[in-house]
PDB file of N, CA and C in Angstrom:
ATOM      1  N   MET A   1      25.377  -8.395  17.510  1.00  0.00           N
ATOM      2  CA  MET A   1      24.238  -7.918  16.812  1.00  0.00           C
ATOM      3  C   MET A   1      23.940  -6.838  18.008  1.00  0.00           C
ATOM      4  N   ALA A   2      23.618  -5.593  17.896  1.00  0.00           N
ATOM      5  CA  ALA A   2      23.671  -4.629  18.372  1.00  0.00           C
ATOM      6  C   ALA A   2      21.929  -4.673  19.130  1.00  0.00           C
ATOM      7  N   ASN A   3      21.075  -4.892  18.090  1.00  0.00           N
ATOM      8  CA  ASN A   3      19.518  -5.278  18.424  1.00  0.00           C
ATOM      9  C   ASN A   3      19.175  -6.685  18.637  1.00  0.00           C
ATOM     10  N   ILE A   4      18.765  -6.969  20.157  1.00  0.00           N
ATOM     11  CA  ILE A   4      18.394  -8.131  20.379  1.00  0.00           C
ATOM     12  C   ILE A   4      16.748  -8.328  20.236  1.00  0.00           C
ATOM     13  N   ILE A   5      16.293  -9.156  19.431  1.00  0.00           N
ATOM     14  CA  ILE A   5      14.899  -9.262  19.465  1.00  0.00           C
ATOM     15  C   ILE A   5      14.363 -10.224  20.149  1.00  0.00           C
ATOM     16  N   SER A   6      13.398  -9.830  20.975  1.00  0.00           N
ATOM     17  CA  SER A   6      12.789 -10.931  21.892  1.00  0.00           C
ATOM     18  C   SER A   6      11.885 -11.643  21.558  1.00  0.00           C
ATOM     19  N   ASP A   7      11.521 -12.791  21.930  1.00  0.00           N
ATOM     20  CA  ASP A   7      10.459 -13.709  21.766  1.00  0.00           C
ATOM     21  C   ASP A   7       9.246 -13.114  21.862  1.00  0.00           C
ATOM     22  N   GLU A   8       8.923 -12.097  22.318  1.00  0.00           N
ATOM     23  CA  GLU A   8       7.572 -11.390  22.433  1.00  0.00           C
ATOM     24  C   GLU A   8       7.608 -10.779  21.536  1.00  0.00           C
ATOM     25  N   THR A   9       8.536 -10.296  20.681  1.00  0.00           N
ATOM     26  CA  THR A   9       8.417  -9.158  19.544  1.00  0.00           C
ATOM     27  C   THR A   9       8.091 -10.178  18.282  1.00  0.00           C
ATOM     28  N   ILE A  10       8.856 -11.303  18.328  1.00  0.00           N
ATOM     29  CA  ILE A  10       8.669 -12.326  16.960  1.00  0.00           C
ATOM     30  C   ILE A  10       7.050 -12.511  17.151  1.00  0.00           C
ATOM     31  N   GLU A  11       6.546 -12.938  18.338  1.00  0.00           N
ATOM     32  CA  GLU A  11       5.336 -13.646  18.571  1.00  0.00           C
ATOM     33  C   GLU A  11       4.384 -12.362  18.098  1.00  0.00           C
ATOM     34  N   TYR A  12       4.597 -11.227  18.577  1.00  0.00           N
ATOM     35  CA  TYR A  12       3.740  -9.992  18.281  1.00  0.00           C
ATOM     36  C   TYR A  12       3.533  -9.976  16.892  1.00  0.00           C
ATOM     37  N   VAL A  13       4.911  -9.765  16.387  1.00  0.00           N
ATOM     38  CA  VAL A  13       4.912  -9.707  14.881  1.00  0.00           C
ATOM     39  C   VAL A  13       4.368 -10.641  14.218  1.00  0.00           C
ATOM     40  N   GLY A  14       4.189 -11.975  14.412  1.00  0.00           N
ATOM     41  CA  GLY A  14       3.413 -12.929  13.822  1.00  0.00           C
ATOM     42  C   GLY A  14       2.143 -13.046  14.141  1.00  0.00           C
ATOM     43  N   ILE A  15       1.533 -12.023  15.244  1.00  0.00           N
ATOM     44  CA  ILE A  15      -0.208 -12.035  15.324  1.00  0.00           C
ATOM     45  C   ILE A  15      -0.205 -11.111  14.219  1.00  0.00           C
ATOM     46  N   LEU A  16       0.446 -10.085  14.048  1.00  0.00           N
ATOM     47  CA  LEU A  16       0.252  -8.895  13.232  1.00  0.00           C
ATOM     48  C   LEU A  16       0.208  -9.139  11.826  1.00  0.00           C
ATOM     49  N   ALA A  17       0.945 -10.114  11.348  1.00  0.00           N
ATOM     50  CA  ALA A  17       0.963 -10.790  10.267  1.00  0.00           C
ATOM     51  C   ALA A  17       0.336 -11.909   9.952  1.00  0.00           C
ATOM     52  N   LYS A  18      -0.162 -12.294  10.931  1.00  0.00           N
ATOM     53  CA  LYS A  18      -1.347 -13.599  10.866  1.00  0.00           C
ATOM     54  C   LYS A  18      -0.716 -14.967  10.447  1.00  0.00           C
ATOM     55  N   LEU A  19       0.654 -14.890  11.264  1.00  0.00           N
ATOM     56  CA  LEU A  19       1.530 -16.159  10.460  1.00  0.00           C
ATOM     57  C   LEU A  19       1.564 -16.904  12.028  1.00  0.00           C
ATOM     58  N   GLU A  20       1.653 -18.571  11.517  1.00  0.00           N
ATOM     59  CA  GLU A  20       1.782 -19.116  12.676  1.00  0.00           C
ATOM     60  C   GLU A  20       3.283 -19.877  12.088  1.00  0.00           C
ATOM     61  N   LEU A  21       4.489 -19.500  13.162  1.00  0.00           N
ATOM     62  CA  LEU A  21       5.650 -19.987  13.014  1.00  0.00           C
ATOM     63  C   LEU A  21       6.020 -21.213  14.126  1.00  0.00           C
ATOM     64  N   SER A  22       6.999 -21.786  13.517  1.00  0.00           N
ATOM     65  CA  SER A  22       7.350 -23.246  14.047  1.00  0.00           C
ATOM     66  C   SER A  22       8.627 -22.316  14.961  1.00  0.00           C
ATOM     67  N   ASP A  23       8.796 -23.218  15.898  1.00  0.00           N
ATOM     68  CA  ASP A  23      10.117 -22.610  16.610  1.00  0.00           C
ATOM     69  C   ASP A  23      11.460 -22.327  16.094  1.00  0.00           C
ATOM     70  N   ALA A  24      11.823 -23.097  14.661  1.00  0.00           N
ATOM     71  CA  ALA A  24      12.688 -23.037  14.091  1.00  0.00           C
ATOM     72  C   ALA A  24      12.713 -21.757  13.117  1.00  0.00           C
ATOM     73  N   GLU A  25      11.277 -21.194  12.822  1.00  0.00           N
ATOM     74  CA  GLU A  25      11.095 -20.125  11.760  1.00  0.00           C
ATOM     75  C   GLU A  25      11.169 -19.269  12.690  1.00  0.00           C
ATOM     76  N   LYS A  26      10.773 -19.379  14.128  1.00  0.00           N
ATOM     77  CA  LYS A  26      10.735 -17.773  14.694  1.00  0.00           C
ATOM     78  C   LYS A  26      12.472 -17.715  15.154  1.00  0.00           C
ATOM     79  N   GLU A  27      13.290 -18.629  15.259  1.00  0.00           N
ATOM     80  CA  GLU A  27      14.757 -18.436  15.443  1.00  0.00           C
ATOM     81  C   GLU A  27      15.112 -17.800  13.887  1.00  0.00           C
ATOM     82  N   GLN A  28      14.698 -18.107  13.093  1.00  0.00           N
ATOM     83  CA  GLN A  28      15.323 -17.686  11.612  1.00  0.00           C
ATOM     84  C   GLN A  28      14.889 -16.531  11.717  1.00  0.00           C
ATOM     85  N   ALA A  29      13.520 -15.882  11.957  1.00  0.00           N
ATOM     86  CA  ALA A  29      13.158 -14.439  11.903  1.00  0.00           C
ATOM     87  C   ALA A  29      13.624 -13.666  12.690  1.00  0.00           C
ATOM     88  N   LYS A  30      14.202 -13.918  14.084  1.00  0.00           N
ATOM     89  CA  LYS A  30      14.668 -13.475  15.143  1.00  0.00           C
ATOM     90  C   LYS A  30      16.034 -13.027  14.230  1.00  0.00           C
ATOM     91  N   SER A  31      16.817 -14.133  13.605  1.00  0.00           N
ATOM     92  CA  SER A  31      18.248 -13.810  13.242  1.00  0.00           C
ATOM     93  C   SER A  31      18.146 -12.873  12.083  1.00  0.00           C
ATOM     94  N   ASP A  32      17.019 -12.869  10.974  1.00  0.00           N
ATOM     95  CA  ASP A  32      16.698 -11.819  10.061  1.00  0.00           C
ATOM     96  C   ASP A  32      16.488 -10.411  10.467  1.00  0.00           C
ATOM     97  N   MET A  33      15.601 -10.623  11.420  1.00  0.00           N
ATOM     98  CA  MET A  33      15.339  -8.859  12.037  1.00  0.00           C
ATOM     99  C   MET A  33      16.580  -8.666  12.436  1.00  0.00           C
ATOM    100  N   GLY A  34      17.235  -9.198  13.263  1.00  0.00           N
ATOM    101  CA  GLY A  34      18.240  -8.418  13.832  1.00  0.00           C
ATOM    102  C   GLY A  34      19.443  -7.890  13.156  1.00  0.00           C
ATOM    103  N   ARG A  35      19.605  -8.766  11.728  1.00  0.00           N
ATOM    104  CA  ARG A  35      20.663  -8.475  10.446  1.00  0.00           C
ATOM    105  C   ARG A  35      19.782  -7.242   9.899  1.00  0.00           C
ATOM    106  N   MET A  36      18.463  -7.222   9.605  1.00  0.00           N
ATOM    107  CA  MET A  36      17.758  -5.808   9.095  1.00  0.00           C
ATOM    108  C   MET A  36      18.504  -4.601   9.935  1.00  0.00           C
ATOM    109  N   LEU A  37      18.138  -4.892  11.098  1.00  0.00           N
ATOM    110  CA  LEU A  37      18.236  -3.509  12.144  1.00  0.00           C
ATOM    111  C   LEU A  37      19.794  -3.221  12.240  1.00  0.00           C
ATOM    112  N   ASP A  38      20.321  -4.190  12.193  1.00  0.00           N
ATOM    113  CA  ASP A  38      22.075  -3.960  12.367  1.00  0.00           C
ATOM    114  C   ASP A  38      22.145  -3.020  10.829  1.00  0.00           C
ATOM    115  N   TYR A  39      21.906  -3.671   9.748  1.00  0.00           N
ATOM    116  CA  TYR A  39      21.971  -2.763   8.453  1.00  0.00           C
ATOM    117  C   TYR A  39      21.534  -1.239   8.606  1.00  0.00           C
ATOM    118  N   ILE A  40      20.363  -1.143   9.156  1.00  0.00           N
ATOM    119  CA  ILE A  40      19.669   0.116   9.269  1.00  0.00           C
ATOM    120  C   ILE A  40      20.754   0.945  10.253  1.00  0.00           C
ATOM    121  N   ASP A  41      21.357   0.469  11.189  1.00  0.00           N
ATOM    122  CA  ASP A  41      22.138   0.970  11.984  1.00  0.00           C
ATOM    123  C   ASP A  41      23.563   1.455  11.331  1.00  0.00           C
ATOM    124  N   LYS A  42      23.973   0.422  10.625  1.00  0.00           N
ATOM    125  CA  LYS A  42      25.025   0.947   9.579  1.00  0.00           C
ATOM    126  C   LYS A  42      24.911   1.865   8.581  1.00  0.00           C
ATOM    127  N   LEU A  43      23.306   2.249   8.024  1.00  0.00           N
ATOM    128  CA  LEU A  43      23.036   3.042   7.194  1.00  0.00           C
ATOM    129  C   LEU A  43      23.290   4.187   7.851  1.00  0.00           C
ATOM    130  N   GLY A  44      22.666   4.286   9.143  1.00  0.00           N
ATOM    131  CA  GLY A  44      22.783   5.696   9.693  1.00  0.00           C
ATOM    132  C   GLY A  44      24.059   6.127  10.379  1.00  0.00           C
ATOM    133  N   GLU A  45      25.413   5.279  10.022  1.00  0.00           N
ATOM    134  CA  GLU A  45      26.848   5.973  10.126  1.00  0.00           C
ATOM    135  C   GLU A  45      27.011   6.764   8.871  1.00  0.00           C
ATOM    136  N   LEU A  46      26.039   6.842   7.942  1.00  0.00           N
ATOM    137  CA  LEU A  46      26.745   7.525   6.636  1.00  0.00           C
ATOM    138  C   LEU A  46      26.912   8.870   6.907  1.00  0.00           C
ATOM    139  N   ASP A  47      27.705   9.296   5.837  1.00  0.00           N
ATOM    140  CA  ASP A  47      27.731  11.119   6.122  1.00  0.00           C
ATOM    141  C   ASP A  47      26.600  11.058   4.824  1.00  0.00           C
ATOM    142  N   THR A  48      25.430  12.054   5.296  1.00  0.00           N
ATOM    143  CA  THR A  48      24.736  12.515   4.240  1.00  0.00           C
ATOM    144  C   THR A  48      24.686  14.270   4.056  1.00  0.00           C
ATOM    145  N   THR A  49      25.554  14.597   4.464  1.00  0.00           N
ATOM    146  CA  THR A  49      25.705  15.996   4.531  1.00  0.00           C
ATOM    147  C   THR A  49      26.005  16.655   2.997  1.00  0.00           C
ATOM    148  N   GLY A  50      24.783  17.411   2.465  1.00  0.00           N
ATOM    149  CA  GLY A  50      24.939  17.834   1.342  1.00  0.00           C
ATOM    150  C   GLY A  50      24.334  17.112   0.320  1.00  0.00           C
ATOM    151  N   VAL A  51      23.384  15.998   0.839  1.00  0.00           N
ATOM    152  CA  VAL A  51      22.885  15.123   0.322  1.00  0.00           C
ATOM    153  C   VAL A  51      21.419  15.735  -0.140  1.00  0.00           C
ATOM    154  N   GLU A  52      20.370  16.060  -1.085  1.00  0.00           N
ATOM    155  CA  GLU A  52      19.298  16.588  -0.922  1.00  0.00           C
ATOM    156  C   GLU A  52      18.010  15.200  -0.814  1.00  0.00           C
ATOM    157  N   PRO A  53      17.056  15.769   0.131  1.00  0.00           N
ATOM    158  CA  PRO A  53      16.249  14.607   0.604  1.00  0.00           C
ATOM    159  C   PRO A  53      15.293  14.434  -0.692  1.00  0.00           C
ATOM    160  N   MET A  54      15.017  13.218  -0.862  1.00  0.00           N
ATOM    161  CA  MET A  54      14.149  12.987  -2.129  1.00  0.00           C
ATOM    162  C   MET A  54      12.942  12.219  -1.852  1.00  0.00           C
ATOM    163  N   SER A  55      11.949  12.632  -2.720  1.00  0.00           N
ATOM    164  CA  SER A  55      10.681  11.393  -2.221  1.00  0.00           C
ATOM    165  C   SER A  55      10.352  10.564  -3.583  1.00  0.00           C
ATOM    166  N   HIS A  56      11.205  10.932  -4.585  1.00  0.00           N
ATOM    167  CA  HIS A  56      11.192  10.064  -5.807  1.00  0.00           C
ATOM    168  C   HIS A  56      12.721   9.666  -6.396  1.00  0.00           C
ATOM    169  N   VAL A  57      12.966   8.798  -6.987  1.00  0.00           N
ATOM    170  CA  VAL A  57      14.246   8.676  -7.860  1.00  0.00           C
ATOM    171  C   VAL A  57      14.636   9.628  -8.922  1.00  0.00           C
ATOM    172  N   PHE A  58      13.553   9.870  -9.693  1.00  0.00           N
ATOM    173  CA  PHE A  58      13.616  10.434 -10.776  1.00  0.00           C
ATOM    174  C   PHE A  58      13.227  11.917 -10.506  1.00  0.00           C
ATOM    175  N   PRO A  59      13.269  13.288 -11.001  1.00  0.00           N
ATOM    176  CA  PRO A  59      12.904  14.144 -10.653  1.00  0.00           C
ATOM    177  C   PRO A  59      11.543  14.281 -11.233  1.00  0.00           C
ATOM    178  N   VAL A  60      10.433  14.803 -10.500  1.00  0.00           N
ATOM    179  CA  VAL A  60       9.021  14.708 -10.630  1.00  0.00           C
ATOM    180  C   VAL A  60       8.652  16.209 -10.445  1.00  0.00           C
ATOM    181  N   HIS A  61       8.245  16.747 -11.372  1.00  0.00           N
ATOM    182  CA  HIS A  61       7.942  18.154 -11.257  1.00  0.00           C
ATOM    183  C   HIS A  61       6.361  18.413 -11.848  1.00  0.00           C
ATOM    184  N   ASN A  62       5.451  18.929 -10.948  1.00  0.00           N
ATOM    185  CA  ASN A  62       4.121  18.906 -11.090  1.00  0.00           C
ATOM    186  C   ASN A  62       3.648  18.034 -12.198  1.00  0.00           C
ATOM    187  N   VAL A  63       3.353  16.990 -11.753  1.00  0.00           N
ATOM    188  CA  VAL A  63       2.568  15.904 -12.671  1.00  0.00           C
ATOM    189  C   VAL A  63       1.048  16.038 -12.452  1.00  0.00           C
ATOM    190  N   PHE A  64       0.286  17.153 -12.207  1.00  0.00           N
ATOM    191  CA  PHE A  64      -0.919  17.213 -12.245  1.00  0.00           C
ATOM    192  C   PHE A  64      -1.180  18.000 -13.738  1.00  0.00           C
ATOM    193  N   ARG A  65      -2.033  17.678 -14.057  1.00  0.00           N
ATOM    194  CA  ARG A  65      -2.991  17.934 -15.448  1.00  0.00           C
ATOM    195  C   ARG A  65      -4.222  18.538 -15.301  1.00  0.00           C
ATOM    196  N   GLU A  66      -4.464  19.621 -16.006  1.00  0.00           N
ATOM    197  CA  GLU A  66      -5.737  20.327 -16.044  1.00  0.00           C
ATOM    198  C   GLU A  66      -6.977  19.135 -16.249  1.00  0.00           C
ATOM    199  N   ASP A  67      -7.627  19.145 -15.083  1.00  0.00           N
ATOM    200  CA  ASP A  67      -8.997  18.152 -15.370  1.00  0.00           C
ATOM    201  C   ASP A  67      -9.726  18.881 -16.568  1.00  0.00           C
ATOM    202  N   VAL A  68     -10.018  18.139 -17.748  1.00  0.00           N
ATOM    203  CA  VAL A  68     -10.605  18.595 -19.024  1.00  0.00           C
ATOM    204  C   VAL A  68     -11.442  17.042 -19.196  1.00  0.00           C
ATOM    205  N   VAL A  69     -12.612  17.656 -19.629  1.00  0.00           N
ATOM    206  CA  VAL A  69     -13.514  16.453 -19.809  1.00  0.00           C
ATOM    207  C   VAL A  69     -13.546  16.380 -21.508  1.00  0.00           C
ATOM    208  N   THR A  70     -13.127  15.079 -21.769  1.00  0.00           N
ATOM    209  CA  THR A  70     -13.185  14.728 -23.079  1.00  0.00           C
ATOM    210  C   THR A  70     -14.158  14.359 -23.887  1.00  0.00           C
ATOM    211  N   ASN A  71     -14.977  13.303 -23.252  1.00  0.00           N
ATOM    212  CA  ASN A  71     -15.605  12.363 -23.949  1.00  0.00           C
ATOM    213  C   ASN A  71     -17.327  13.067 -23.826  1.00  0.00           C
ATOM    214  N   GLY A  72     -17.454  13.948 -23.059  1.00  0.00           N
ATOM    215  CA  GLY A  72     -18.935  14.814 -22.808  1.00  0.00           C
ATOM    216  C   GLY A  72     -19.864  13.871 -22.335  1.00  0.00           C
ATOM    217  N   ASP A  73     -21.201  14.146 -22.078  1.00  0.00           N
ATOM    218  CA  ASP A  73     -22.328  13.743 -21.486  1.00  0.00           C
ATOM    219  C   ASP A  73     -22.765  12.482 -22.361  1.00  0.00           C
ATOM    220  N   THR A  74     -22.570  11.444 -22.094  1.00  0.00           N
ATOM    221  CA  THR A  74     -23.477  10.212 -22.967  1.00  0.00           C
ATOM    222  C   THR A  74     -24.240   9.404 -22.280  1.00  0.00           C
ATOM    223  N   ARG A  75     -25.202  10.183 -21.313  1.00  0.00           N
ATOM    224  CA  ARG A  75     -26.065   9.302 -20.696  1.00  0.00           C
ATOM    225  C   ARG A  75     -27.351   9.292 -21.754  1.00  0.00           C
ATOM    226  N   GLN A  76     -27.753   9.702 -22.548  1.00  0.00           N
ATOM    227  CA  GLN A  76     -28.732   9.155 -23.289  1.00  0.00           C
ATOM    228  C   GLN A  76     -28.273   8.006 -24.262  1.00  0.00           C
ATOM    229  N   GLN A  77     -27.429   7.901 -24.579  1.00  0.00           N
ATOM    230  CA  GLN A  77     -26.582   6.880 -25.304  1.00  0.00           C
ATOM    231  C   GLN A  77     -26.730   5.605 -24.259  1.00  0.00           C
ATOM    232  N   LEU A  78     -25.967   5.837 -23.061  1.00  0.00           N
ATOM    233  CA  LEU A  78     -26.188   4.882 -22.173  1.00  0.00           C
ATOM    234  C   LEU A  78     -27.404   4.211 -21.886  1.00  0.00           C
ATOM    235  N   LEU A  79     -28.377   5.183 -21.739  1.00  0.00           N
ATOM    236  CA  LEU A  79     -29.730   4.496 -21.291  1.00  0.00           C
ATOM    237  C   LEU A  79     -30.505   3.851 -22.238  1.00  0.00           C
ATOM    238  N   ALA A  80     -30.081   4.272 -23.741  1.00  0.00           N
ATOM    239  CA  ALA A  80     -30.942   3.581 -24.595  1.00  0.00           C
ATOM    240  C   ALA A  80     -30.511   2.089 -24.868  1.00  0.00           C
ATOM    241  N   ASN A  81     -29.620   1.473 -24.157  1.00  0.00           N
ATOM    242  CA  ASN A  81     -29.501  -0.060 -24.140  1.00  0.00           C
ATOM    243  C   ASN A  81     -30.164  -0.553 -22.870  1.00  0.00           C
ATOM    244  N   ALA A  82     -30.460   0.462 -21.941  1.00  0.00           N
ATOM    245  CA  ALA A  82     -30.954   0.083 -20.851  1.00  0.00           C
ATOM    246  C   ALA A  82     -32.768  -0.398 -20.856  1.00  0.00           C
ATOM    247  N   PRO A  83     -32.835  -1.802 -20.223  1.00  0.00           N
ATOM    248  CA  PRO A  83     -34.265  -2.390 -20.670  1.00  0.00           C
ATOM    249  C   PRO A  83     -35.219  -1.688 -19.719  1.00  0.00           C
ATOM    250  N   GLU A  84     -34.839  -0.853 -18.426  1.00  0.00           N
ATOM    251  CA  GLU A  84     -36.033   0.429 -17.934  1.00  0.00           C
ATOM    252  C   GLU A  84     -35.331   1.019 -17.410  1.00  0.00           C
ATOM    253  N   GLN A  85     -35.638   2.176 -17.554  1.00  0.00           N
ATOM    254  CA  GLN A  85     -35.196   3.451 -17.098  1.00  0.00           C
ATOM    255  C   GLN A  85     -36.313   4.428 -16.327  1.00  0.00           C
ATOM    256  N   LYS A  86     -35.866   5.198 -15.507  1.00  0.00           N
ATOM    257  CA  LYS A  86     -36.781   6.330 -15.019  1.00  0.00           C
ATOM    258  C   LYS A  86     -36.172   7.343 -14.078  1.00  0.00           C
ATOM    259  N   ASP A  87     -36.320   8.604 -14.511  1.00  0.00           N
ATOM    260  CA  ASP A  87     -35.927   9.799 -14.514  1.00  0.00           C
ATOM    261  C   ASP A  87     -34.366   9.951 -14.799  1.00  0.00           C
ATOM    262  N   GLY A  88     -33.796   9.107 -15.759  1.00  0.00           N
ATOM    263  CA  GLY A  88     -32.444   9.184 -16.005  1.00  0.00           C
ATOM    264  C   GLY A  88     -31.633   8.666 -15.728  1.00  0.00           C
ATOM    265  N   MET A  89     -32.251   7.352 -15.102  1.00  0.00           N
ATOM    266  CA  MET A  89     -31.224   6.377 -14.342  1.00  0.00           C
ATOM    267  C   MET A  89     -31.957   4.749 -14.566  1.00  0.00           C
ATOM    268  N   PHE A  90     -30.775   4.112 -14.734  1.00  0.00           N
ATOM    269  CA  PHE A  90     -31.427   2.643 -14.681  1.00  0.00           C
ATOM    270  C   PHE A  90     -32.483   2.110 -13.281  1.00  0.00           C
ATOM    271  N   THR A  91     -33.512   1.433 -14.360  1.00  0.00           N
ATOM    272  CA  THR A  91     -34.311   0.452 -13.229  1.00  0.00           C
ATOM    273  C   THR A  91     -34.226  -0.933 -13.135  1.00  0.00           C
ATOM    274  N   VAL A  92     -33.661  -1.352 -11.878  1.00  0.00           N
ATOM    275  CA  VAL A  92     -33.296  -2.930 -11.871  1.00  0.00           C
ATOM    276  C   VAL A  92     -34.454  -3.185 -10.660  1.00  0.00           C
ATOM    277  N   PRO A  93     -34.577  -4.492 -10.279  1.00  0.00           N
ATOM    278  CA  PRO A  93     -35.430  -5.326  -9.627  1.00  0.00           C
ATOM    279  C   PRO A  93     -34.765  -5.446  -8.426  1.00  0.00           C
ATOM    280  N   ARG A  94     -35.723  -5.361  -7.540  1.00  0.00           N
ATOM    281  CA  ARG A  94     -35.520  -5.290  -5.869  1.00  0.00           C
ATOM    282  C   ARG A  94     -34.735  -6.396  -5.745  1.00  0.00           C
ATOM    283  N   THR A  95     -33.515  -6.148  -4.777  1.00  0.00           N
ATOM    284  CA  THR A  95     -32.572  -7.433  -4.363  1.00  0.00           C
ATOM    285  C   THR A  95     -33.126  -8.066  -2.925  1.00  0.00           C
ATOM    286  N   PHE A  96     -33.979  -6.856  -2.228  1.00  0.00           N
ATOM    287  CA  PHE A  96     -34.471  -7.476  -1.097  1.00  0.00           C
ATOM    288  C   PHE A  96     -35.782  -6.611  -0.657  1.00  0.00           C
ATOM    289  N   GLU A  97     -36.606  -7.224   0.499  1.00  0.00           N
ATOM    290  CA  GLU A  97     -38.110  -6.261   0.842  1.00  0.00           C
ATOM    291  C   GLU A  97     -37.440  -5.449   1.747  1.00  0.00           C
TER     292      GLU A  97
END
């Protein structure tokens, strides 16, 4: 294991994750984190020349669409159901003074 995880690192990660770990769980977490870091190191050894960086697995091209209003202004229909209204808005009772 090239990456050695200290007890302080496990304590810090536990605090960040708001976890209370027993001593056995801390040892297991140290082992798991060490294996993850070893795997990341192993991935770093791969030859990626000629591999194009990507942000999505599938080819995504301009997923934006034109913003077009399709339902129109229905304010009057909505306010027709209001028990009280004033100046085109719902009137509700005060919740505090």
